Amino acid sequence: MHLERANLSASITWQELERKKLNWNGARNTLNMAKIYFICGFIGSGKTTYAKQLANTHAAFRFSIDEWMIPLFGEHMPRELFDERIDILTELFKSSAIQMMQLNTSVIFDFGFWNQLERTKITQWAQSQGFDFELIYLDSSFEICGQRAYKRNADRLDKAYEMTPEMLQMFWQWFEVPTPHEKVTYVKSSNN
């Protein structure tokens, strides 16, 4: 099968066109390659603020789990239902991220990735897709996270969950700080 076009002096097969397209895309991607950023950190560590800055710097699309969960499903629900809904949105975001990466648009997952298993699963997924990615951990003390979370309670609207001291303490027990053998970029969160 040959492609015919008025401005083309020579005919080219679809296979040759695809090969040229791949070469062209490959050359373009080495100059401006899309990347996925996974933002890891505890409640109040500054994930969303950091993700917004990253989105502006890299013209990236940002998926913030809280900004989708609360408007779609509300704030209070049993833990099992919460986890099911997180899984549904995660799969939707991954599917959308694949399309965006194919369009050479960087993507940010502003999730938290509270445990090593979650971080391993998401980075293995990115590797299996052949995507360039970076896992970024926002390192902030429990005290600073608490101060920020309580301050955010006043003006959270539908973008963040209300946090009590009891909830923060319970969630802190669930949070696993990334280990040295995980491929993580550590960012020390500021104290403000």
Protein backbone atom coordinates (compact mmCIF):
# COMPACT_ATOMS: atom_id res chain seq x y z
CA MET A 1 0.00 0.00 0.00
CA HIS A 2 1.39 3.41 -0.92
CA LEU A 3 0.54 6.81 0.45
CA GLU A 4 -0.20 9.31 -2.28
CA ARG A 5 0.02 13.00 -1.65
CA ALA A 6 0.32 15.86 -4.10
CA ASN A 7 3.34 17.47 -2.37
CA LEU A 8 5.20 14.18 -1.98
CA SER A 9 7.66 13.52 -4.78
CA ALA A 10 8.19 9.86 -3.85
CA SER A 11 5.76 7.24 -2.67
CA ILE A 12 6.15 5.79 0.81
CA THR A 13 4.64 2.69 2.44
CA TRP A 14 2.62 2.87 5.66
CA GLN A 15 5.38 0.89 7.40
CA GLU A 16 7.98 3.44 6.29
CA LEU A 17 5.72 6.27 7.39
CA GLU A 18 5.27 4.70 10.82
CA ARG A 19 9.03 4.15 11.12
CA LYS A 20 9.70 7.79 10.18
CA LYS A 21 7.01 8.92 12.63
CA LEU A 22 8.61 6.87 15.39
CA ASN A 23 12.02 8.30 14.58
CA TRP A 24 10.61 11.82 14.53
CA ASN A 25 8.76 11.30 17.82
CA GLY A 26 11.84 9.78 19.37
CA ALA A 27 13.93 12.79 18.32
CA ARG A 28 11.30 15.18 19.63
CA ASN A 29 11.03 13.35 22.93
CA THR A 30 14.75 13.54 23.60
CA LEU A 31 14.42 17.33 23.51
CA ASN A 32 11.20 17.67 25.48
CA MET A 33 10.21 14.30 26.91
CA ALA A 34 7.08 14.02 29.01
CA LYS A 35 7.49 12.67 32.52
CA ILE A 36 5.26 11.43 35.32
CA TYR A 37 5.81 12.85 38.79
CA PHE A 38 4.51 10.89 41.79
CA ILE A 39 4.23 13.11 44.87
CA CYS A 40 4.65 11.26 48.17
CA GLY A 41 4.14 12.75 51.60
CA PHE A 42 1.96 12.90 54.68
CA ILE A 43 -1.12 15.08 55.18
CA GLY A 44 -0.01 18.71 55.32
CA SER A 45 3.50 18.05 53.98
CA GLY A 46 2.89 20.45 51.08
CA LYS A 47 2.13 17.93 48.32
CA THR A 48 -0.54 19.95 46.53
CA THR A 49 1.38 23.23 46.78
CA TYR A 50 4.49 21.49 45.43
CA ALA A 51 2.47 19.74 42.69
CA LYS A 52 0.95 23.04 41.55
CA GLN A 53 4.42 24.61 41.31
CA LEU A 54 5.69 21.56 39.41
CA ALA A 55 2.70 21.75 37.05
CA ASN A 56 3.46 25.39 36.27
CA THR A 57 7.17 24.73 35.77
CA HIS A 58 6.72 21.72 33.48
CA ALA A 59 3.34 22.51 31.86
CA ALA A 60 2.08 19.27 33.41
CA PHE A 61 -1.44 18.04 34.11
CA ARG A 62 -2.09 17.43 37.81
CA PHE A 63 -4.27 14.68 39.27
CA SER A 64 -5.04 15.48 42.91
CA ILE A 65 -6.88 12.60 44.55
CA ASP A 66 -8.55 14.77 47.21
CA GLU A 67 -9.77 17.29 44.62
CA TRP A 68 -11.61 14.46 42.83
CA MET A 69 -12.72 12.30 45.77
CA ILE A 70 -14.49 14.96 47.82
CA PRO A 71 -16.65 16.51 45.04
CA LEU A 72 -17.54 13.09 43.61
CA PHE A 73 -18.10 11.06 46.78
CA GLY A 74 -18.23 13.40 49.77
CA GLU A 75 -16.05 13.43 52.82
CA HIS A 76 -17.25 10.70 55.19
CA MET A 77 -17.52 7.03 54.23
CA PRO A 78 -16.44 3.63 55.55
CA ARG A 79 -12.75 2.85 55.01
CA GLU A 80 -13.46 -0.07 52.63
CA LEU A 81 -15.61 2.13 50.40
CA PHE A 82 -12.99 4.90 50.52
CA ASP A 83 -10.29 2.46 49.38
CA GLU A 84 -12.51 1.11 46.56
CA ARG A 85 -13.15 4.62 45.28
CA ILE A 86 -9.45 5.51 45.47
CA ASP A 87 -8.71 2.41 43.37
CA ILE A 88 -11.32 3.39 40.76
CA LEU A 89 -9.95 6.91 40.44
CA THR A 90 -6.36 5.65 40.35
CA GLU A 91 -7.16 3.41 37.37
CA LEU A 92 -8.98 6.28 35.64
CA PHE A 93 -6.00 8.60 36.24
CA LYS A 94 -3.54 5.99 34.97
CA SER A 95 -5.58 5.48 31.80
CA SER A 96 -5.75 9.24 31.25
CA ALA A 97 -2.03 9.60 32.01
CA ILE A 98 -1.19 7.11 29.26
CA GLN A 99 -3.06 9.24 26.74
CA MET A 100 -1.44 12.44 27.99
CA MET A 101 2.04 10.95 27.89
CA GLN A 102 1.39 9.83 24.30
CA LEU A 103 0.65 13.49 23.58
CA ASN A 104 3.97 14.41 25.24
CA THR A 105 2.24 16.04 28.21
CA SER A 106 3.78 15.51 31.62
CA VAL A 107 1.51 14.31 34.43
CA ILE A 108 1.59 14.72 38.21
CA PHE A 109 -0.03 12.27 40.63
CA ASP A 110 -0.66 14.30 43.80
CA PHE A 111 -1.68 11.32 45.93
CA GLY A 112 0.48 10.72 48.98
CA PHE A 113 1.66 7.17 48.30
CA TRP A 114 1.72 6.44 52.03
CA ASN A 115 3.30 3.00 51.93
CA GLN A 116 6.05 1.20 50.09
CA LEU A 117 3.65 -1.20 48.38
CA GLU A 118 1.70 1.70 46.80
CA ARG A 119 4.95 3.34 45.67
CA THR A 120 6.26 0.06 44.25
CA LYS A 121 3.03 -0.63 42.35
CA ILE A 122 2.82 2.82 40.77
CA THR A 123 6.49 2.94 39.77
CA GLN A 124 6.30 -0.58 38.32
CA TRP A 125 3.27 0.53 36.31
CA ALA A 126 5.20 3.55 34.96
CA GLN A 127 8.16 1.31 34.10
CA SER A 128 5.91 -1.20 32.34
CA GLN A 129 4.56 1.65 30.18
CA GLY A 130 8.10 2.78 29.36
CA PHE A 131 7.52 6.20 30.95
CA ASP A 132 10.15 8.45 32.44
CA PHE A 133 9.08 9.10 36.03
CA GLU A 134 10.19 10.54 39.33
CA LEU A 135 8.97 9.71 42.81
CA ILE A 136 9.27 12.80 45.00
CA TYR A 137 9.00 12.60 48.79
CA LEU A 138 8.12 15.78 50.69
CA ASP A 139 9.83 15.35 54.02
CA SER A 140 8.07 17.28 56.77
CA SER A 141 7.79 16.70 60.52
CA PHE A 142 4.56 15.50 62.11
CA GLU A 143 4.28 18.81 63.98
CA ILE A 144 4.52 20.92 60.81
CA CYS A 145 2.06 18.65 58.98
CA GLY A 146 -0.39 19.01 61.86
CA GLN A 147 -0.11 22.80 61.94
CA ARG A 148 -0.76 23.01 58.21
CA ALA A 149 -3.67 20.54 58.33
CA TYR A 150 -5.41 22.42 61.16
CA LYS A 151 -4.89 25.75 59.37
CA ARG A 152 -6.28 24.23 56.16
CA ASN A 153 -9.42 23.07 58.02
CA ALA A 154 -10.66 26.67 58.04
CA ASP A 155 -10.63 27.20 54.26
CA ARG A 156 -10.57 23.73 52.74
CA LEU A 157 -13.84 23.96 50.77
CA ASP A 158 -14.19 20.74 48.72
CA LYS A 159 -10.46 20.29 48.17
CA ALA A 160 -9.19 18.73 51.39
CA TYR A 161 -10.47 16.52 54.17
CA GLU A 162 -11.07 17.91 57.64
CA MET A 163 -8.41 16.67 60.06
CA THR A 164 -8.63 16.26 63.80
CA PRO A 165 -5.65 15.56 66.09
CA GLU A 166 -6.93 12.00 66.59
CA MET A 167 -7.19 11.39 62.85
CA LEU A 168 -3.73 12.77 62.17
CA GLN A 169 -2.23 10.60 64.89
CA MET A 170 -3.94 7.49 63.52
CA PHE A 171 -2.89 8.26 59.93
CA TRP A 172 0.69 8.98 61.02
CA GLN A 173 0.85 5.39 62.27
CA TRP A 174 -0.10 4.20 58.77
CA PHE A 175 2.44 6.34 56.94
CA GLU A 176 5.68 4.67 55.82
CA VAL A 177 8.59 7.01 55.15
CA PRO A 178 10.41 5.93 51.97
CA THR A 179 13.46 3.78 52.61
CA PRO A 180 16.95 4.47 51.25
CA HIS A 181 16.66 1.62 48.71
CA GLU A 182 13.57 3.19 47.08
CA LYS A 183 14.42 5.44 44.14
CA VAL A 184 13.08 8.66 45.66
CA THR A 185 13.94 12.34 45.34
CA TYR A 186 13.83 13.81 48.84
CA VAL A 187 12.54 17.36 49.19
CA LYS A 188 12.73 18.92 52.63
CA SER A 189 9.46 20.75 53.16
CA SER A 190 9.70 24.31 54.46
CA ASN A 191 8.37 25.18 57.93
CA ASN A 192 5.70 27.61 56.79
